[in-house]
């Protein structure tokens, strides 16, 4: 059994003369990410690996989460402007000793990918987190494995 968490980056700012890739988190985004990460950690969620888009707002959100989880962390450019296939490609690259992974990315890709995993309709809020239980022993079996939505959380409801 594996666990997949999808995390949309927290609320970002867009200062003048800043490229999309370099957008920082807004102060409210920093607070939301701290609150969400603390909540997940306090409820016993386990994460072995965190994989983030290299864009500043996603990577900053990931780093805040890792203050609580102290997991292996990496960036993967496939998660910036990602489509559904990019997420699956990153999942297939995971080692089988990774039991639980959190992937930090952006809309619309993260919502579109989430919608392929279950019957729910997702429109991720900033710093929204969804988790699935994946009934497989190897990440290479991901696509054909049964998936069960465990939860979806938004910062304003925790």
C-alpha atoms as a PDB file:
ATOM      1  CA  UNK A   1       0.000   0.000   0.000  1.00  0.00           C
ATOM      2  CA  UNK A   2       1.320   3.431  -0.993  1.00  0.00           C
ATOM      3  CA  UNK A   3       0.156   6.964  -0.190  1.00  0.00           C
ATOM      4  CA  UNK A   4       0.161   9.880  -2.619  1.00  0.00           C
ATOM      5  CA  UNK A   5      -0.361  13.463  -1.459  1.00  0.00           C
ATOM      6  CA  UNK A   6      -0.862  16.264  -3.952  1.00  0.00           C
ATOM      7  CA  UNK A   7      -0.206  19.787  -2.688  1.00  0.00           C
ATOM      8  CA  UNK A   8      -0.892  22.957  -4.632  1.00  0.00           C
ATOM      9  CA  UNK A   9       1.567  25.707  -3.748  1.00  0.00           C
ATOM     10  CA  UNK A  10       0.418  28.254  -1.171  1.00  0.00           C
ATOM     11  CA  UNK A  11      -0.849  31.728  -2.094  1.00  0.00           C
ATOM     12  CA  UNK A  12       1.789  33.586  -4.063  1.00  0.00           C
ATOM     13  CA  UNK A  13       2.584  37.175  -4.771  1.00  0.00           C
ATOM     14  CA  UNK A  14       3.462  38.632  -8.172  1.00  0.00           C
ATOM     15  CA  UNK A  15       5.790  41.576  -7.669  1.00  0.00           C
ATOM     16  CA  UNK A  16       6.354  43.886 -10.617  1.00  0.00           C
ATOM     17  CA  UNK A  17       9.071  42.723 -13.038  1.00  0.00           C
ATOM     18  CA  UNK A  18       8.968  39.157 -11.669  1.00  0.00           C
ATOM     19  CA  UNK A  19       8.799  36.153 -13.977  1.00  0.00           C
ATOM     20  CA  UNK A  20       6.169  33.502 -13.232  1.00  0.00           C
ATOM     21  CA  UNK A  21       8.844  30.984 -12.213  1.00  0.00           C
ATOM     22  CA  UNK A  22      10.268  33.381  -9.594  1.00  0.00           C
ATOM     23  CA  UNK A  23       7.030  34.401  -7.860  1.00  0.00           C
ATOM     24  CA  UNK A  24       7.421  34.263  -4.053  1.00  0.00           C
ATOM     25  CA  UNK A  25       4.834  33.252  -1.490  1.00  0.00           C
ATOM     26  CA  UNK A  26       2.595  35.971  -0.098  1.00  0.00           C
ATOM     27  CA  UNK A  27       2.614  36.420   3.668  1.00  0.00           C
ATOM     28  CA  UNK A  28      -0.814  34.737   3.841  1.00  0.00           C
ATOM     29  CA  UNK A  29       0.600  31.837   1.801  1.00  0.00           C
ATOM     30  CA  UNK A  30       3.463  31.350   4.240  1.00  0.00           C
ATOM     31  CA  UNK A  31       1.007  31.262   7.150  1.00  0.00           C
ATOM     32  CA  UNK A  32      -1.332  28.838   5.329  1.00  0.00           C
ATOM     33  CA  UNK A  33       1.549  26.487   4.485  1.00  0.00           C
ATOM     34  CA  UNK A  34       2.780  26.528   8.087  1.00  0.00           C
ATOM     35  CA  UNK A  35      -0.724  25.820   9.399  1.00  0.00           C
ATOM     36  CA  UNK A  36      -1.446  23.059   6.850  1.00  0.00           C
ATOM     37  CA  UNK A  37       1.889  21.315   7.390  1.00  0.00           C
ATOM     38  CA  UNK A  38       1.487  21.427  11.168  1.00  0.00           C
ATOM     39  CA  UNK A  39      -2.069  20.082  10.919  1.00  0.00           C
ATOM     40  CA  UNK A  40      -1.067  17.157   8.709  1.00  0.00           C
ATOM     41  CA  UNK A  41       1.891  16.299  10.924  1.00  0.00           C
ATOM     42  CA  UNK A  42      -0.208  16.496  14.106  1.00  0.00           C
ATOM     43  CA  UNK A  43      -2.837  14.163  12.620  1.00  0.00           C
ATOM     44  CA  UNK A  44      -0.196  11.501  12.027  1.00  0.00           C
ATOM     45  CA  UNK A  45       0.276  11.801   8.264  1.00  0.00           C
ATOM     46  CA  UNK A  46       3.591  10.222   7.241  1.00  0.00           C
ATOM     47  CA  UNK A  47       5.625  11.421   4.272  1.00  0.00           C
ATOM     48  CA  UNK A  48       8.846   9.703   3.132  1.00  0.00           C
ATOM     49  CA  UNK A  49       9.641  11.961   0.180  1.00  0.00           C
ATOM     50  CA  UNK A  50       8.671  15.436  -0.980  1.00  0.00           C
ATOM     51  CA  UNK A  51       8.996  16.318  -4.667  1.00  0.00           C
ATOM     52  CA  UNK A  52       8.436  19.883  -5.789  1.00  0.00           C
ATOM     53  CA  UNK A  53       8.232  21.920  -8.912  1.00  0.00           C
ATOM     54  CA  UNK A  54      11.396  24.045  -8.936  1.00  0.00           C
ATOM     55  CA  UNK A  55       9.320  27.257  -9.216  1.00  0.00           C
ATOM     56  CA  UNK A  56       9.912  29.442  -6.157  1.00  0.00           C
ATOM     57  CA  UNK A  57       6.330  29.416  -4.823  1.00  0.00           C
ATOM     58  CA  UNK A  58       6.054  25.610  -4.971  1.00  0.00           C
ATOM     59  CA  UNK A  59       9.543  24.994  -3.610  1.00  0.00           C
ATOM     60  CA  UNK A  60       8.959  27.452  -0.752  1.00  0.00           C
ATOM     61  CA  UNK A  61       5.726  25.641   0.148  1.00  0.00           C
ATOM     62  CA  UNK A  62       7.591  22.318   0.058  1.00  0.00           C
ATOM     63  CA  UNK A  63      10.345  23.631   2.334  1.00  0.00           C
ATOM     64  CA  UNK A  64       7.768  24.803   4.876  1.00  0.00           C
ATOM     65  CA  UNK A  65       6.167  21.341   4.873  1.00  0.00           C
ATOM     66  CA  UNK A  66       9.565  19.734   5.294  1.00  0.00           C
ATOM     67  CA  UNK A  67      10.152  21.666   8.513  1.00  0.00           C
ATOM     68  CA  UNK A  68       7.525  19.295   9.968  1.00  0.00           C
ATOM     69  CA  UNK A  69       8.175  16.095   8.018  1.00  0.00           C
ATOM     70  CA  UNK A  70      11.983  16.063   7.758  1.00  0.00           C
ATOM     71  CA  UNK A  71      11.719  13.850   4.672  1.00  0.00           C
ATOM     72  CA  UNK A  72      13.915  13.430   1.602  1.00  0.00           C
ATOM     73  CA  UNK A  73      13.228  16.438  -0.622  1.00  0.00           C
ATOM     74  CA  UNK A  74      13.940  17.071  -4.293  1.00  0.00           C
ATOM     75  CA  UNK A  75      12.787  19.177  -7.201  1.00  0.00           C
ATOM     76  CA  UNK A  76      11.564  17.878 -10.531  1.00  0.00           C
ATOM     77  CA  UNK A  77      11.059  20.224 -13.474  1.00  0.00           C
ATOM     78  CA  UNK A  78       8.270  17.953 -14.760  1.00  0.00           C
ATOM     79  CA  UNK A  79       6.029  19.393 -12.013  1.00  0.00           C
ATOM     80  CA  UNK A  80       6.217  22.968 -13.384  1.00  0.00           C
ATOM     81  CA  UNK A  81       3.465  23.568 -15.959  1.00  0.00           C
ATOM     82  CA  UNK A  82       2.700  19.876 -15.555  1.00  0.00           C
ATOM     83  CA  UNK A  83       0.080  17.877 -17.390  1.00  0.00           C
ATOM     84  CA  UNK A  84      -1.375  14.592 -16.152  1.00  0.00           C
ATOM     85  CA  UNK A  85       1.354  12.558 -17.858  1.00  0.00           C
ATOM     86  CA  UNK A  86       4.082  14.530 -16.075  1.00  0.00           C
ATOM     87  CA  UNK A  87       2.718  13.486 -12.683  1.00  0.00           C
ATOM     88  CA  UNK A  88       2.553   9.835 -13.706  1.00  0.00           C
ATOM     89  CA  UNK A  89       6.108  10.020 -15.057  1.00  0.00           C
ATOM     90  CA  UNK A  90       7.392  11.369 -11.715  1.00  0.00           C
ATOM     91  CA  UNK A  91       5.478   8.647  -9.841  1.00  0.00           C
ATOM     92  CA  UNK A  92       7.002   5.915 -12.031  1.00  0.00           C
ATOM     93  CA  UNK A  93      10.483   7.193 -11.111  1.00  0.00           C
ATOM     94  CA  UNK A  94       9.883   6.584  -7.380  1.00  0.00           C
ATOM     95  CA  UNK A  95      11.790   3.838  -5.612  1.00  0.00           C
ATOM     96  CA  UNK A  96       9.554   1.145  -4.170  1.00  0.00           C
ATOM     97  CA  UNK A  97      10.877   1.735  -0.649  1.00  0.00           C
ATOM     98  CA  UNK A  98       9.087   5.116  -0.760  1.00  0.00           C
ATOM     99  CA  UNK A  99       5.799   4.385   0.968  1.00  0.00           C
ATOM    100  CA  UNK A 100       4.402   7.930   0.966  1.00  0.00           C
ATOM    101  CA  UNK A 101       5.160  10.862  -1.329  1.00  0.00           C
ATOM    102  CA  UNK A 102       3.967  14.475  -1.407  1.00  0.00           C
ATOM    103  CA  UNK A 103       4.133  16.267  -4.756  1.00  0.00           C
ATOM    104  CA  UNK A 104       4.039  20.085  -4.881  1.00  0.00           C
ATOM    105  CA  UNK A 105       2.802  21.646  -8.093  1.00  0.00           C
ATOM    106  CA  UNK A 106       0.495  24.184  -9.748  1.00  0.00           C
ATOM    107  CA  UNK A 107      -2.979  24.561 -11.159  1.00  0.00           C
ATOM    108  CA  UNK A 108      -4.413  23.617 -13.620  1.00  0.00           C
ATOM    109  CA  UNK A 109      -2.214  20.559 -13.884  1.00  0.00           C
ATOM    110  CA  UNK A 110      -2.569  19.390 -10.288  1.00  0.00           C
ATOM    111  CA  UNK A 111      -6.378  19.650 -10.366  1.00  0.00           C
ATOM    112  CA  UNK A 112      -6.561  17.913 -13.735  1.00  0.00           C
ATOM    113  CA  UNK A 113      -4.354  15.071 -12.501  1.00  0.00           C
ATOM    114  CA  UNK A 114      -6.373  14.695  -9.281  1.00  0.00           C
ATOM    115  CA  UNK A 115      -9.535  14.404 -11.339  1.00  0.00           C
ATOM    116  CA  UNK A 116      -8.091  11.391 -13.164  1.00  0.00           C
ATOM    117  CA  UNK A 117      -7.642   9.567  -9.845  1.00  0.00           C
ATOM    118  CA  UNK A 118     -11.245   9.534  -8.588  1.00  0.00           C
ATOM    119  CA  UNK A 119     -14.829  10.519  -9.249  1.00  0.00           C
ATOM    120  CA  UNK A 120     -14.568  13.783  -7.282  1.00  0.00           C
ATOM    121  CA  UNK A 121     -14.196  17.060  -9.111  1.00  0.00           C
ATOM    122  CA  UNK A 122     -11.141  18.922  -7.876  1.00  0.00           C
ATOM    123  CA  UNK A 123     -10.314  22.583  -8.200  1.00  0.00           C
ATOM    124  CA  UNK A 124      -7.410  22.830  -5.759  1.00  0.00           C
ATOM    125  CA  UNK A 125      -7.302  25.941  -3.619  1.00  0.00           C
ATOM    126  CA  UNK A 126      -3.899  27.396  -2.906  1.00  0.00           C
ATOM    127  CA  UNK A 127      -2.220  25.137  -0.330  1.00  0.00           C
ATOM    128  CA  UNK A 128      -4.960  22.561  -0.835  1.00  0.00           C
ATOM    129  CA  UNK A 129      -3.893  18.983  -0.061  1.00  0.00           C
ATOM    130  CA  UNK A 130      -5.455  15.751  -1.314  1.00  0.00           C
ATOM    131  CA  UNK A 131      -4.307  12.257  -0.361  1.00  0.00           C
ATOM    132  CA  UNK A 132      -4.935   8.848  -1.902  1.00  0.00           C
ATOM    133  CA  UNK A 133      -4.230   5.327  -0.775  1.00  0.00           C
ATOM    134  CA  UNK A 134      -2.798   3.382  -3.714  1.00  0.00           C
ATOM    135  CA  UNK A 135      -3.250  -0.388  -3.530  1.00  0.00           C
ATOM    136  CA  UNK A 136       0.128  -1.470  -4.918  1.00  0.00           C
ATOM    137  CA  UNK A 137       3.577  -2.515  -3.730  1.00  0.00           C
ATOM    138  CA  UNK A 138       5.440  -0.926  -6.635  1.00  0.00           C
ATOM    139  CA  UNK A 139       4.956   2.591  -7.980  1.00  0.00           C
ATOM    140  CA  UNK A 140       5.282   1.119 -11.481  1.00  0.00           C
ATOM    141  CA  UNK A 141       1.842  -0.437 -10.895  1.00  0.00           C
ATOM    142  CA  UNK A 142       0.312   2.971 -10.133  1.00  0.00           C
ATOM    143  CA  UNK A 143      -1.919   3.447 -13.174  1.00  0.00           C
ATOM    144  CA  UNK A 144      -3.726   0.113 -12.883  1.00  0.00           C
ATOM    145  CA  UNK A 145      -3.872   0.063  -9.062  1.00  0.00           C
ATOM    146  CA  UNK A 146      -7.083   0.764  -7.120  1.00  0.00           C
ATOM    147  CA  UNK A 147      -7.031   4.250  -5.596  1.00  0.00           C
ATOM    148  CA  UNK A 148      -9.001   5.502  -2.605  1.00  0.00           C
ATOM    149  CA  UNK A 149      -9.341   9.206  -1.815  1.00  0.00           C
ATOM    150  CA  UNK A 150      -8.443   9.643   1.865  1.00  0.00           C
ATOM    151  CA  UNK A 151      -9.059  13.387   2.234  1.00  0.00           C
ATOM    152  CA  UNK A 152      -8.984  16.823   0.688  1.00  0.00           C
ATOM    153  CA  UNK A 153      -8.147  19.798   2.902  1.00  0.00           C
ATOM    154  CA  UNK A 154      -8.057  23.530   2.368  1.00  0.00           C
ATOM    155  CA  UNK A 155      -6.317  25.936   4.758  1.00  0.00           C
ATOM    156  CA  UNK A 156      -9.476  27.903   5.507  1.00  0.00           C
ATOM    157  CA  UNK A 157     -11.162  24.775   6.936  1.00  0.00           C
ATOM    158  CA  UNK A 158      -8.465  23.602   9.339  1.00  0.00           C
END
